[in-house]
Amino acid sequence: MAGKTYTRLDLTEAVYREVGLSRNESAELVESILSHISTALVDGESVKISSFGTFAVREKGARMGRNPKTGEEVPIEPRRVLVFRPSHILKDRINENLSGG
Protein backbone atom coordinates (compact mmCIF):
# COMPACT_ATOMS: atom_id res chain seq x y z
CA MET A 1 0.00 0.00 0.00
CA ALA A 2 3.00 2.24 -0.54
CA GLY A 3 1.98 5.48 -2.17
CA LYS A 4 3.74 8.43 -3.70
CA THR A 5 6.32 10.28 -1.65
CA TYR A 6 5.66 14.03 -1.62
CA THR A 7 8.67 16.27 -2.07
CA ARG A 8 9.39 19.98 -1.76
CA LEU A 9 8.71 20.27 -5.49
CA ASP A 10 5.26 18.69 -5.03
CA LEU A 11 4.47 21.13 -2.21
CA THR A 12 5.71 24.03 -4.34
CA GLU A 13 3.50 22.93 -7.25
CA ALA A 14 0.49 22.63 -4.92
CA VAL A 15 1.05 26.17 -3.61
CA TYR A 16 1.50 27.40 -7.19
CA ARG A 17 -1.80 25.82 -8.30
CA GLU A 18 -3.87 26.61 -5.19
CA VAL A 19 -2.62 30.06 -4.20
CA GLY A 20 -1.63 31.47 -7.55
CA LEU A 21 1.83 32.71 -6.64
CA SER A 22 4.58 32.34 -9.22
CA ARG A 23 6.60 29.12 -9.11
CA ASN A 24 9.56 31.00 -7.62
CA GLU A 25 7.40 32.68 -4.98
CA SER A 26 5.77 29.33 -4.19
CA ALA A 27 9.18 27.70 -3.76
CA GLU A 28 10.32 30.55 -1.48
CA LEU A 29 7.15 30.22 0.61
CA VAL A 30 7.57 26.45 1.04
CA GLU A 31 11.26 26.89 1.94
CA SER A 32 10.40 29.63 4.43
CA ILE A 33 7.76 27.51 6.16
CA LEU A 34 10.04 24.47 6.37
CA SER A 35 12.87 26.66 7.66
CA HIS A 36 10.66 28.14 10.40
CA ILE A 37 9.50 24.66 11.44
CA SER A 38 13.06 23.31 11.47
CA THR A 39 14.40 26.25 13.47
CA ALA A 40 11.66 25.91 16.08
CA LEU A 41 12.35 22.18 16.48
CA VAL A 42 16.12 22.70 16.74
CA ASP A 43 15.42 25.28 19.46
CA GLY A 44 13.40 22.65 21.37
CA GLU A 45 9.99 24.16 20.65
CA SER A 46 6.92 22.17 19.58
CA VAL A 47 5.22 22.92 16.27
CA LYS A 48 1.45 22.44 16.26
CA ILE A 49 -0.40 22.56 12.96
CA SER A 50 -4.13 22.67 13.62
CA SER A 51 -6.08 19.70 12.18
CA PHE A 52 -2.78 18.04 11.21
CA GLY A 53 -0.65 17.30 14.26
CA THR A 54 2.21 18.27 16.52
CA PHE A 55 5.94 17.90 15.95
CA ALA A 56 8.11 17.86 19.07
CA VAL A 57 11.65 17.03 20.13
CA ARG A 58 12.05 14.52 22.93
CA GLU A 59 15.14 13.86 25.00
CA LYS A 60 16.18 10.22 25.26
CA GLY A 61 18.56 9.27 28.01
CA ALA A 62 21.63 7.07 27.81
CA ARG A 63 21.02 3.34 28.02
CA MET A 64 22.57 0.01 27.27
CA GLY A 65 21.62 -1.56 23.96
CA ARG A 66 22.53 -4.80 22.27
CA ASN A 67 24.12 -5.38 18.89
CA PRO A 68 21.60 -7.71 17.18
CA LYS A 69 24.33 -9.41 15.14
CA THR A 70 26.74 -10.27 17.96
CA GLY A 71 24.58 -9.93 21.06
CA GLU A 72 27.26 -7.68 22.55
CA GLU A 73 26.06 -4.92 24.88
CA VAL A 74 26.85 -1.42 23.66
CA PRO A 75 26.17 1.94 25.28
CA ILE A 76 23.70 4.21 23.49
CA GLU A 77 24.43 7.90 23.98
CA PRO A 78 21.71 10.35 25.07
CA ARG A 79 20.09 12.04 22.12
CA ARG A 80 17.20 14.12 20.92
CA VAL A 81 14.57 12.55 18.67
CA LEU A 82 11.81 14.07 16.58
CA VAL A 83 8.31 12.80 17.29
CA PHE A 84 5.05 13.47 15.48
CA ARG A 85 1.64 13.12 17.07
CA PRO A 86 -1.17 13.32 14.52
CA SER A 87 -4.38 15.17 15.36
CA HIS A 88 -7.61 13.23 15.82
CA ILE A 89 -8.87 14.82 12.61
CA LEU A 90 -5.89 13.45 10.65
CA LYS A 91 -6.23 10.03 12.29
CA ASP A 92 -9.90 9.93 11.34
CA ARG A 93 -9.14 10.93 7.73
CA ILE A 94 -6.47 8.24 7.44
CA ASN A 95 -8.83 5.56 8.76
CA GLU A 96 -12.12 6.66 7.18
CA ASN A 97 -11.84 4.22 4.24
CA LEU A 98 -11.09 1.26 6.53
CA SER A 99 -14.43 1.30 8.36
CA GLY A 100 -16.46 0.94 5.15
CA GLY A 101 -15.34 -2.68 4.68
PDB file of N, CA and C in Angstrom:
ATOM      1  N   MET A   1       0.829  -1.188   0.000  1.00  0.00           N
ATOM      2  CA  MET A   1       0.000   0.000   0.000  1.00  0.00           C
ATOM      3  C   MET A   1       0.874   1.252   0.000  1.00  0.00           C
ATOM      4  N   ALA A   2       2.095   1.097  -0.467  1.00  0.00           N
ATOM      5  CA  ALA A   2       3.001   2.237  -0.540  1.00  0.00           C
ATOM      6  C   ALA A   2       2.504   3.203  -1.606  1.00  0.00           C
ATOM      7  N   GLY A   3       2.445   4.457  -1.244  1.00  0.00           N
ATOM      8  CA  GLY A   3       1.977   5.481  -2.171  1.00  0.00           C
ATOM      9  C   GLY A   3       3.119   6.377  -2.603  1.00  0.00           C
ATOM     10  N   LYS A   4       2.760   7.452  -3.234  1.00  0.00           N
ATOM     11  CA  LYS A   4       3.739   8.429  -3.699  1.00  0.00           C
ATOM     12  C   LYS A   4       4.367   9.150  -2.515  1.00  0.00           C
ATOM     13  N   THR A   5       5.628   9.465  -2.643  1.00  0.00           N
ATOM     14  CA  THR A   5       6.317  10.276  -1.648  1.00  0.00           C
ATOM     15  C   THR A   5       6.273  11.722  -2.115  1.00  0.00           C
ATOM     16  N   TYR A   6       5.750  12.616  -1.267  1.00  0.00           N
ATOM     17  CA  TYR A   6       5.664  14.025  -1.623  1.00  0.00           C
ATOM     18  C   TYR A   6       6.970  14.730  -1.287  1.00  0.00           C
ATOM     19  N   THR A   7       7.400  15.560  -2.206  1.00  0.00           N
ATOM     20  CA  THR A   7       8.668  16.274  -2.074  1.00  0.00           C
ATOM     21  C   THR A   7       8.413  17.776  -1.970  1.00  0.00           C
ATOM     22  N   ARG A   8       9.491  18.517  -1.769  1.00  0.00           N
ATOM     23  CA  ARG A   8       9.390  19.983  -1.764  1.00  0.00           C
ATOM     24  C   ARG A   8       8.794  20.476  -3.075  1.00  0.00           C
ATOM     25  N   LEU A   9       9.214  19.860  -4.176  1.00  0.00           N
ATOM     26  CA  LEU A   9       8.710  20.269  -5.489  1.00  0.00           C
ATOM     27  C   LEU A   9       7.191  20.064  -5.574  1.00  0.00           C
ATOM     28  N   ASP A  10       6.703  18.941  -5.036  1.00  0.00           N
ATOM     29  CA  ASP A  10       5.255  18.688  -5.026  1.00  0.00           C
ATOM     30  C   ASP A  10       4.522  19.745  -4.199  1.00  0.00           C
ATOM     31  N   LEU A  11       5.082  20.089  -3.051  1.00  0.00           N
ATOM     32  CA  LEU A  11       4.471  21.127  -2.215  1.00  0.00           C
ATOM     33  C   LEU A  11       4.479  22.473  -2.935  1.00  0.00           C
ATOM     34  N   THR A  12       5.597  22.779  -3.585  1.00  0.00           N
ATOM     35  CA  THR A  12       5.707  24.028  -4.336  1.00  0.00           C
ATOM     36  C   THR A  12       4.665  24.084  -5.441  1.00  0.00           C
ATOM     37  N   GLU A  13       4.503  22.984  -6.178  1.00  0.00           N
ATOM     38  CA  GLU A  13       3.504  22.931  -7.246  1.00  0.00           C
ATOM     39  C   GLU A  13       2.085  23.103  -6.695  1.00  0.00           C
ATOM     40  N   ALA A  14       1.813  22.498  -5.536  1.00  0.00           N
ATOM     41  CA  ALA A  14       0.489  22.631  -4.922  1.00  0.00           C
ATOM     42  C   ALA A  14       0.218  24.090  -4.549  1.00  0.00           C
ATOM     43  N   VAL A  15       1.208  24.755  -3.965  1.00  0.00           N
ATOM     44  CA  VAL A  15       1.046  26.173  -3.612  1.00  0.00           C
ATOM     45  C   VAL A  15       0.842  26.994  -4.885  1.00  0.00           C
ATOM     46  N   TYR A  16       1.617  26.696  -5.912  1.00  0.00           N
ATOM     47  CA  TYR A  16       1.505  27.400  -7.191  1.00  0.00           C
ATOM     48  C   TYR A  16       0.083  27.279  -7.755  1.00  0.00           C
ATOM     49  N   ARG A  17      -0.463  26.047  -7.744  1.00  0.00           N
ATOM     50  CA  ARG A  17      -1.804  25.824  -8.298  1.00  0.00           C
ATOM     51  C   ARG A  17      -2.905  26.407  -7.412  1.00  0.00           C
ATOM     52  N   GLU A  18      -2.791  26.226  -6.104  1.00  0.00           N
ATOM     53  CA  GLU A  18      -3.869  26.610  -5.188  1.00  0.00           C
ATOM     54  C   GLU A  18      -3.885  28.097  -4.853  1.00  0.00           C
ATOM     55  N   VAL A  19      -2.703  28.683  -4.669  1.00  0.00           N
ATOM     56  CA  VAL A  19      -2.624  30.065  -4.196  1.00  0.00           C
ATOM     57  C   VAL A  19      -2.464  31.049  -5.352  1.00  0.00           C
ATOM     58  N   GLY A  20      -1.798  30.598  -6.395  1.00  0.00           N
ATOM     59  CA  GLY A  20      -1.635  31.475  -7.546  1.00  0.00           C
ATOM     60  C   GLY A  20      -0.377  32.317  -7.525  1.00  0.00           C
ATOM     61  N   LEU A  21       0.538  32.020  -6.616  1.00  0.00           N
ATOM     62  CA  LEU A  21       1.825  32.709  -6.644  1.00  0.00           C
ATOM     63  C   LEU A  21       2.647  32.163  -7.813  1.00  0.00           C
ATOM     64  N   SER A  22       3.698  32.878  -8.182  1.00  0.00           N
ATOM     65  CA  SER A  22       4.581  32.344  -9.223  1.00  0.00           C
ATOM     66  C   SER A  22       5.284  31.110  -8.681  1.00  0.00           C
ATOM     67  N   ARG A  23       5.888  30.325  -9.565  1.00  0.00           N
ATOM     68  CA  ARG A  23       6.605  29.125  -9.108  1.00  0.00           C
ATOM     69  C   ARG A  23       7.747  29.499  -8.171  1.00  0.00           C
ATOM     70  N   ASN A  24       8.453  30.569  -8.486  1.00  0.00           N
ATOM     71  CA  ASN A  24       9.562  31.000  -7.622  1.00  0.00           C
ATOM     72  C   ASN A  24       9.053  31.453  -6.256  1.00  0.00           C
ATOM     73  N   GLU A  25       7.983  32.233  -6.247  1.00  0.00           N
ATOM     74  CA  GLU A  25       7.395  32.682  -4.981  1.00  0.00           C
ATOM     75  C   GLU A  25       6.866  31.498  -4.176  1.00  0.00           C
ATOM     76  N   SER A  26       6.274  30.531  -4.858  1.00  0.00           N
ATOM     77  CA  SER A  26       5.773  29.328  -4.189  1.00  0.00           C
ATOM     78  C   SER A  26       6.916  28.551  -3.554  1.00  0.00           C
ATOM     79  N   ALA A  27       8.011  28.412  -4.285  1.00  0.00           N
ATOM     80  CA  ALA A  27       9.182  27.701  -3.758  1.00  0.00           C
ATOM     81  C   ALA A  27       9.752  28.427  -2.548  1.00  0.00           C
ATOM     82  N   GLU A  28       9.817  29.757  -2.604  1.00  0.00           N
ATOM     83  CA  GLU A  28      10.320  30.547  -1.477  1.00  0.00           C
ATOM     84  C   GLU A  28       9.415  30.399  -0.261  1.00  0.00           C
ATOM     85  N   LEU A  29       8.104  30.376  -0.481  1.00  0.00           N
ATOM     86  CA  LEU A  29       7.151  30.224   0.614  1.00  0.00           C
ATOM     87  C   LEU A  29       7.312  28.857   1.280  1.00  0.00           C
ATOM     88  N   VAL A  30       7.391  27.797   0.489  1.00  0.00           N
ATOM     89  CA  VAL A  30       7.572  26.450   1.037  1.00  0.00           C
ATOM     90  C   VAL A  30       8.872  26.375   1.820  1.00  0.00           C
ATOM     91  N   GLU A  31       9.964  26.898   1.254  1.00  0.00           N
ATOM     92  CA  GLU A  31      11.263  26.886   1.944  1.00  0.00           C
ATOM     93  C   GLU A  31      11.205  27.671   3.247  1.00  0.00           C
ATOM     94  N   SER A  32      10.515  28.801   3.232  1.00  0.00           N
ATOM     95  CA  SER A  32      10.397  29.630   4.429  1.00  0.00           C
ATOM     96  C   SER A  32       9.643  28.897   5.527  1.00  0.00           C
ATOM     97  N   ILE A  33       8.550  28.247   5.171  1.00  0.00           N
ATOM     98  CA  ILE A  33       7.758  27.507   6.161  1.00  0.00           C
ATOM     99  C   ILE A  33       8.580  26.367   6.746  1.00  0.00           C
ATOM    100  N   LEU A  34       9.232  25.594   5.884  1.00  0.00           N
ATOM    101  CA  LEU A  34      10.042  24.473   6.367  1.00  0.00           C
ATOM    102  C   LEU A  34      11.204  24.958   7.230  1.00  0.00           C
ATOM    103  N   SER A  35      11.777  26.085   6.874  1.00  0.00           N
ATOM    104  CA  SER A  35      12.872  26.662   7.659  1.00  0.00           C
ATOM    105  C   SER A  35      12.387  27.084   9.045  1.00  0.00           C
ATOM    106  N   HIS A  36      11.217  27.722   9.111  1.00  0.00           N
ATOM    107  CA  HIS A  36      10.664  28.139  10.401  1.00  0.00           C
ATOM    108  C   HIS A  36      10.365  26.924  11.276  1.00  0.00           C
ATOM    109  N   ILE A  37       9.799  25.877  10.689  1.00  0.00           N
ATOM    110  CA  ILE A  37       9.496  24.662  11.444  1.00  0.00           C
ATOM    111  C   ILE A  37      10.786  24.037  11.959  1.00  0.00           C
ATOM    112  N   SER A  38      11.774  23.907  11.084  1.00  0.00           N
ATOM    113  CA  SER A  38      13.059  23.306  11.466  1.00  0.00           C
ATOM    114  C   SER A  38      13.738  24.085  12.584  1.00  0.00           C
ATOM    115  N   THR A  39      13.762  25.401  12.460  1.00  0.00           N
ATOM    116  CA  THR A  39      14.403  26.248  13.468  1.00  0.00           C
ATOM    117  C   THR A  39      13.724  26.086  14.828  1.00  0.00           C
ATOM    118  N   ALA A  40      12.402  26.077  14.820  1.00  0.00           N
ATOM    119  CA  ALA A  40      11.663  25.912  16.080  1.00  0.00           C
ATOM    120  C   ALA A  40      11.999  24.572  16.723  1.00  0.00           C
ATOM    121  N   LEU A  41      12.055  23.506  15.936  1.00  0.00           N
ATOM    122  CA  LEU A  41      12.354  22.179  16.475  1.00  0.00           C
ATOM    123  C   LEU A  41      13.781  22.098  17.005  1.00  0.00           C
ATOM    124  N   VAL A  42      14.729  22.680  16.278  1.00  0.00           N
ATOM    125  CA  VAL A  42      16.121  22.699  16.739  1.00  0.00           C
ATOM    126  C   VAL A  42      16.233  23.443  18.063  1.00  0.00           C
ATOM    127  N   ASP A  43      15.428  24.495  18.227  1.00  0.00           N
ATOM    128  CA  ASP A  43      15.421  25.276  19.464  1.00  0.00           C
ATOM    129  C   ASP A  43      14.643  24.595  20.594  1.00  0.00           C
ATOM    130  N   GLY A  44      14.106  23.404  20.334  1.00  0.00           N
ATOM    131  CA  GLY A  44      13.399  22.652  21.366  1.00  0.00           C
ATOM    132  C   GLY A  44      11.935  22.998  21.520  1.00  0.00           C
ATOM    133  N   GLU A  45      11.393  23.777  20.589  1.00  0.00           N
ATOM    134  CA  GLU A  45       9.986  24.157  20.646  1.00  0.00           C
ATOM    135  C   GLU A  45       9.130  23.106  19.936  1.00  0.00           C
ATOM    136  N   SER A  46       7.864  23.017  20.293  1.00  0.00           N
ATOM    137  CA  SER A  46       6.921  22.165  19.580  1.00  0.00           C
ATOM    138  C   SER A  46       6.288  22.969  18.456  1.00  0.00           C
ATOM    139  N   VAL A  47       5.904  22.273  17.393  1.00  0.00           N
ATOM    140  CA  VAL A  47       5.220  22.917  16.274  1.00  0.00           C
ATOM    141  C   VAL A  47       3.877  22.232  16.107  1.00  0.00           C
ATOM    142  N   LYS A  48       2.796  22.984  16.367  1.00  0.00           N
ATOM    143  CA  LYS A  48       1.450  22.442  16.258  1.00  0.00           C
ATOM    144  C   LYS A  48       0.776  23.033  15.033  1.00  0.00           C
ATOM    145  N   ILE A  49       0.326  22.147  14.147  1.00  0.00           N
ATOM    146  CA  ILE A  49      -0.399  22.563  12.962  1.00  0.00           C
ATOM    147  C   ILE A  49      -1.829  22.064  13.136  1.00  0.00           C
ATOM    148  N   SER A  50      -2.740  22.998  13.330  1.00  0.00           N
ATOM    149  CA  SER A  50      -4.129  22.665  13.620  1.00  0.00           C
ATOM    150  C   SER A  50      -4.698  21.715  12.573  1.00  0.00           C
ATOM    151  N   SER A  51      -5.443  20.727  13.014  1.00  0.00           N
ATOM    152  CA  SER A  51      -6.084  19.703  12.183  1.00  0.00           C
ATOM    153  C   SER A  51      -5.084  18.777  11.502  1.00  0.00           C
ATOM    154  N   PHE A  52      -3.803  18.907  11.806  1.00  0.00           N
ATOM    155  CA  PHE A  52      -2.785  18.043  11.208  1.00  0.00           C
ATOM    156  C   PHE A  52      -2.054  17.259  12.290  1.00  0.00           C
ATOM    157  N   GLY A  53      -1.352  17.979  13.180  1.00  0.00           N
ATOM    158  CA  GLY A  53      -0.655  17.300  14.255  1.00  0.00           C
ATOM    159  C   GLY A  53       0.409  18.172  14.884  1.00  0.00           C
ATOM    160  N   THR A  54       1.182  17.556  15.781  1.00  0.00           N
ATOM    161  CA  THR A  54       2.213  18.273  16.523  1.00  0.00           C
ATOM    162  C   THR A  54       3.555  17.583  16.359  1.00  0.00           C
ATOM    163  N   PHE A  55       4.562  18.370  16.011  1.00  0.00           N
ATOM    164  CA  PHE A  55       5.942  17.900  15.952  1.00  0.00           C
ATOM    165  C   PHE A  55       6.620  18.360  17.237  1.00  0.00           C
ATOM    166  N   ALA A  56       7.410  17.491  17.844  1.00  0.00           N
ATOM    167  CA  ALA A  56       8.113  17.864  19.067  1.00  0.00           C
ATOM    168  C   ALA A  56       9.439  17.123  19.125  1.00  0.00           C
ATOM    169  N   VAL A  57      10.364  17.670  19.900  1.00  0.00           N
ATOM    170  CA  VAL A  57      11.654  17.033  20.133  1.00  0.00           C
ATOM    171  C   VAL A  57      11.630  16.453  21.529  1.00  0.00           C
ATOM    172  N   ARG A  58      12.039  15.202  21.644  1.00  0.00           N
ATOM    173  CA  ARG A  58      12.049  14.517  22.929  1.00  0.00           C
ATOM    174  C   ARG A  58      13.473  14.111  23.267  1.00  0.00           C
ATOM    175  N   GLU A  59      13.819  14.255  24.530  1.00  0.00           N
ATOM    176  CA  GLU A  59      15.144  13.862  25.001  1.00  0.00           C
ATOM    177  C   GLU A  59      15.116  12.385  25.387  1.00  0.00           C
ATOM    178  N   LYS A  60      16.057  11.621  24.870  1.00  0.00           N
ATOM    179  CA  LYS A  60      16.176  10.217  25.258  1.00  0.00           C
ATOM    180  C   LYS A  60      17.478  10.065  26.033  1.00  0.00           C
ATOM    181  N   GLY A  61      17.394   9.441  27.159  1.00  0.00           N
ATOM    182  CA  GLY A  61      18.561   9.270  28.009  1.00  0.00           C
ATOM    183  C   GLY A  61      19.490   8.167  27.527  1.00  0.00           C
ATOM    184  N   ALA A  62      20.668   8.123  28.127  1.00  0.00           N
ATOM    185  CA  ALA A  62      21.633   7.074  27.814  1.00  0.00           C
ATOM    186  C   ALA A  62      21.092   5.741  28.316  1.00  0.00           C
ATOM    187  N   ARG A  63      21.438   4.675  27.606  1.00  0.00           N
ATOM    188  CA  ARG A  63      21.019   3.338  28.024  1.00  0.00           C
ATOM    189  C   ARG A  63      21.943   2.312  27.403  1.00  0.00           C
ATOM    190  N   MET A  64      21.806   1.095  27.859  1.00  0.00           N
ATOM    191  CA  MET A  64      22.573   0.009  27.272  1.00  0.00           C
ATOM    192  C   MET A  64      21.717  -0.665  26.206  1.00  0.00           C
ATOM    193  N   GLY A  65      22.306  -0.879  25.050  1.00  0.00           N
ATOM    194  CA  GLY A  65      21.624  -1.563  23.964  1.00  0.00           C
ATOM    195  C   GLY A  65      22.367  -2.853  23.650  1.00  0.00           C
ATOM    196  N   ARG A  66      21.896  -3.541  22.643  1.00  0.00           N
ATOM    197  CA  ARG A  66      22.525  -4.801  22.266  1.00  0.00           C
ATOM    198  C   ARG A  66      22.672  -4.838  20.751  1.00  0.00           C
ATOM    199  N   ASN A  67      23.876  -5.191  20.310  1.00  0.00           N
ATOM    200  CA  ASN A  67      24.124  -5.383  18.887  1.00  0.00           C
ATOM    201  C   ASN A  67      23.375  -6.645  18.460  1.00  0.00           C
ATOM    202  N   PRO A  68      22.407  -6.537  17.540  1.00  0.00           N
ATOM    203  CA  PRO A  68      21.603  -7.708  17.185  1.00  0.00           C
ATOM    204  C   PRO A  68      22.408  -8.803  16.484  1.00  0.00           C
ATOM    205  N   LYS A  69      23.508  -8.438  15.850  1.00  0.00           N
ATOM    206  CA  LYS A  69      24.331  -9.413  15.144  1.00  0.00           C
ATOM    207  C   LYS A  69      25.165 -10.255  16.108  1.00  0.00           C
ATOM    208  N   THR A  70      25.794  -9.577  17.071  1.00  0.00           N
ATOM    209  CA  THR A  70      26.741 -10.267  17.959  1.00  0.00           C
ATOM    210  C   THR A  70      26.177 -10.522  19.351  1.00  0.00           C
ATOM    211  N   GLY A  71      25.116  -9.801  19.726  1.00  0.00           N
ATOM    212  CA  GLY A  71      24.579  -9.932  21.064  1.00  0.00           C
ATOM    213  C   GLY A  71      25.363  -9.143  22.098  1.00  0.00           C
ATOM    214  N   GLU A  72      26.407  -8.465  21.647  1.00  0.00           N
ATOM    215  CA  GLU A  72      27.262  -7.678  22.547  1.00  0.00           C
ATOM    216  C   GLU A  72      26.520  -6.442  23.034  1.00  0.00           C
ATOM    217  N   GLU A  73      26.659  -6.134  24.326  1.00  0.00           N
ATOM    218  CA  GLU A  73      26.060  -4.923  24.875  1.00  0.00           C
ATOM    219  C   GLU A  73      26.883  -3.713  24.466  1.00  0.00           C
ATOM    220  N   VAL A  74      26.182  -2.667  24.048  1.00  0.00           N
ATOM    221  CA  VAL A  74      26.852  -1.419  23.659  1.00  0.00           C
ATOM    222  C   VAL A  74      26.104  -0.247  24.270  1.00  0.00           C
ATOM    223  N   PRO A  75      26.850   0.762  24.723  1.00  0.00           N
ATOM    224  CA  PRO A  75      26.173   1.939  25.282  1.00  0.00           C
ATOM    225  C   PRO A  75      25.562   2.786  24.165  1.00  0.00           C
ATOM    226  N   ILE A  76      24.357   3.293  24.422  1.00  0.00           N
ATOM    227  CA  ILE A  76      23.697   4.207  23.492  1.00  0.00           C
ATOM    228  C   ILE A  76      23.706   5.575  24.156  1.00  0.00           C
ATOM    229  N   GLU A  77      24.267   6.543  23.446  1.00  0.00           N
ATOM    230  CA  GLU A  77      24.426   7.896  23.984  1.00  0.00           C
ATOM    231  C   GLU A  77      23.066   8.597  24.095  1.00  0.00           C
ATOM    232  N   PRO A  78      22.956   9.557  25.015  1.00  0.00           N
ATOM    233  CA  PRO A  78      21.715  10.347  25.070  1.00  0.00           C
ATOM    234  C   PRO A  78      21.556  11.134  23.772  1.00  0.00           C
ATOM    235  N   ARG A  79      20.327  11.335  23.376  1.00  0.00           N
ATOM    236  CA  ARG A  79      20.088  12.039  22.118  1.00  0.00           C
ATOM    237  C   ARG A  79      18.704  12.663  22.122  1.00  0.00           C
ATOM    238  N   ARG A  80      18.498  13.501  21.123  1.00  0.00           N
ATOM    239  CA  ARG A  80      17.199  14.125  20.918  1.00  0.00           C
ATOM    240  C   ARG A  80      16.563  13.468  19.696  1.00  0.00           C
ATOM    241  N   VAL A  81      15.279  13.165  19.787  1.00  0.00           N
ATOM    242  CA  VAL A  81      14.570  12.555  18.669  1.00  0.00           C
ATOM    243  C   VAL A  81      13.333  13.372  18.328  1.00  0.00           C
ATOM    244  N   LEU A  82      12.984  13.366  17.058  1.00  0.00           N
ATOM    245  CA  LEU A  82      11.808  14.073  16.585  1.00  0.00           C
ATOM    246  C   LEU A  82      10.611  13.128  16.646  1.00  0.00           C
ATOM    247  N   VAL A  83       9.526  13.593  17.227  1.00  0.00           N
ATOM    248  CA  VAL A  83       8.306  12.801  17.289  1.00  0.00           C
ATOM    249  C   VAL A  83       7.164  13.590  16.658  1.00  0.00           C
ATOM    250  N   PHE A  84       6.220  12.857  16.076  1.00  0.00           N
ATOM    251  CA  PHE A  84       5.048  13.474  15.478  1.00  0.00           C
ATOM    252  C   PHE A  84       3.821  12.811  16.069  1.00  0.00           C
ATOM    253  N   ARG A  85       2.904  13.629  16.535  1.00  0.00           N
ATOM    254  CA  ARG A  85       1.642  13.122  17.069  1.00  0.00           C
ATOM    255  C   ARG A  85       0.525  13.683  16.194  1.00  0.00           C
ATOM    256  N   PRO A  86      -0.115  12.825  15.406  1.00  0.00           N
ATOM    257  CA  PRO A  86      -1.175  13.320  14.523  1.00  0.00           C
ATOM    258  C   PRO A  86      -2.398  13.759  15.300  1.00  0.00           C
ATOM    259  N   SER A  87      -3.130  14.721  14.735  1.00  0.00           N
ATOM    260  CA  SER A  87      -4.380  15.172  15.359  1.00  0.00           C
ATOM    261  C   SER A  87      -5.446  14.096  15.174  1.00  0.00           C
ATOM    262  N   HIS A  88      -6.497  14.178  15.963  1.00  0.00           N
ATOM    263  CA  HIS A  88      -7.605  13.232  15.821  1.00  0.00           C
ATOM    264  C   HIS A  88      -8.248  13.374  14.443  1.00  0.00           C
ATOM    265  N   ILE A  89      -8.288  14.584  13.927  1.00  0.00           N
ATOM    266  CA  ILE A  89      -8.869  14.817  12.609  1.00  0.00           C
ATOM    267  C   ILE A  89      -8.069  14.073  11.544  1.00  0.00           C
ATOM    268  N   LEU A  90      -6.737  14.156  11.611  1.00  0.00           N
ATOM    269  CA  LEU A  90      -5.886  13.452  10.652  1.00  0.00           C
ATOM    270  C   LEU A  90      -6.030  11.942  10.814  1.00  0.00           C
ATOM    271  N   LYS A  91      -6.052  11.470  12.052  1.00  0.00           N
ATOM    272  CA  LYS A  91      -6.231  10.029  12.292  1.00  0.00           C
ATOM    273  C   LYS A  91      -7.541   9.546  11.682  1.00  0.00           C
ATOM    274  N   ASP A  92      -8.606  10.316  11.877  1.00  0.00           N
ATOM    275  CA  ASP A  92      -9.901   9.933  11.338  1.00  0.00           C
ATOM    276  C   ASP A  92      -9.880   9.903   9.812  1.00  0.00           C
ATOM    277  N   ARG A  93      -9.229  10.895   9.193  1.00  0.00           N
ATOM    278  CA  ARG A  93      -9.144  10.929   7.727  1.00  0.00           C
ATOM    279  C   ARG A  93      -8.367   9.744   7.195  1.00  0.00           C
ATOM    280  N   ILE A  94      -7.297   9.374   7.890  1.00  0.00           N
ATOM    281  CA  ILE A  94      -6.472   8.239   7.442  1.00  0.00           C
ATOM    282  C   ILE A  94      -7.265   6.937   7.525  1.00  0.00           C
ATOM    283  N   ASN A  95      -8.097   6.807   8.540  1.00  0.00           N
ATOM    284  CA  ASN A  95      -8.828   5.555   8.763  1.00  0.00           C
ATOM    285  C   ASN A  95     -10.246   5.534   8.210  1.00  0.00           C
ATOM    286  N   GLU A  96     -10.722   6.609   7.602  1.00  0.00           N
ATOM    287  CA  GLU A  96     -12.121   6.659   7.184  1.00  0.00           C
ATOM    288  C   GLU A  96     -12.464   5.602   6.139  1.00  0.00           C
ATOM    289  N   ASN A  97     -11.548   5.220   5.275  1.00  0.00           N
ATOM    290  CA  ASN A  97     -11.841   4.221   4.238  1.00  0.00           C
ATOM    291  C   ASN A  97     -11.795   2.800   4.789  1.00  0.00           C
ATOM    292  N   LEU A  98     -11.198   2.599   5.956  1.00  0.00           N
ATOM    293  CA  LEU A  98     -11.089   1.262   6.527  1.00  0.00           C
ATOM    294  C   LEU A  98     -12.405   0.780   7.134  1.00  0.00           C
ATOM    295  N   SER A  99     -13.201   1.693   7.661  1.00  0.00           N
ATOM    296  CA  SER A  99     -14.428   1.302   8.358  1.00  0.00           C
ATOM    297  C   SER A  99     -15.549   0.911   7.405  1.00  0.00           C
ATOM    298  N   GLY A 100     -15.423   1.262   6.125  1.00  0.00           N
ATOM    299  CA  GLY A 100     -16.465   0.941   5.152  1.00  0.00           C
ATOM    300  C   GLY A 100     -16.490  -0.505   4.734  1.00  0.00           C
ATOM    301  N   GLY A 101     -15.373  -1.264   4.969  1.00  0.00           N
ATOM    302  CA  GLY A 101     -15.339  -2.681   4.683  1.00  0.00           C
ATOM    303  C   GLY A 101     -14.993  -2.921   3.324  1.00  0.00           C
TER     304      GLY A 101
END
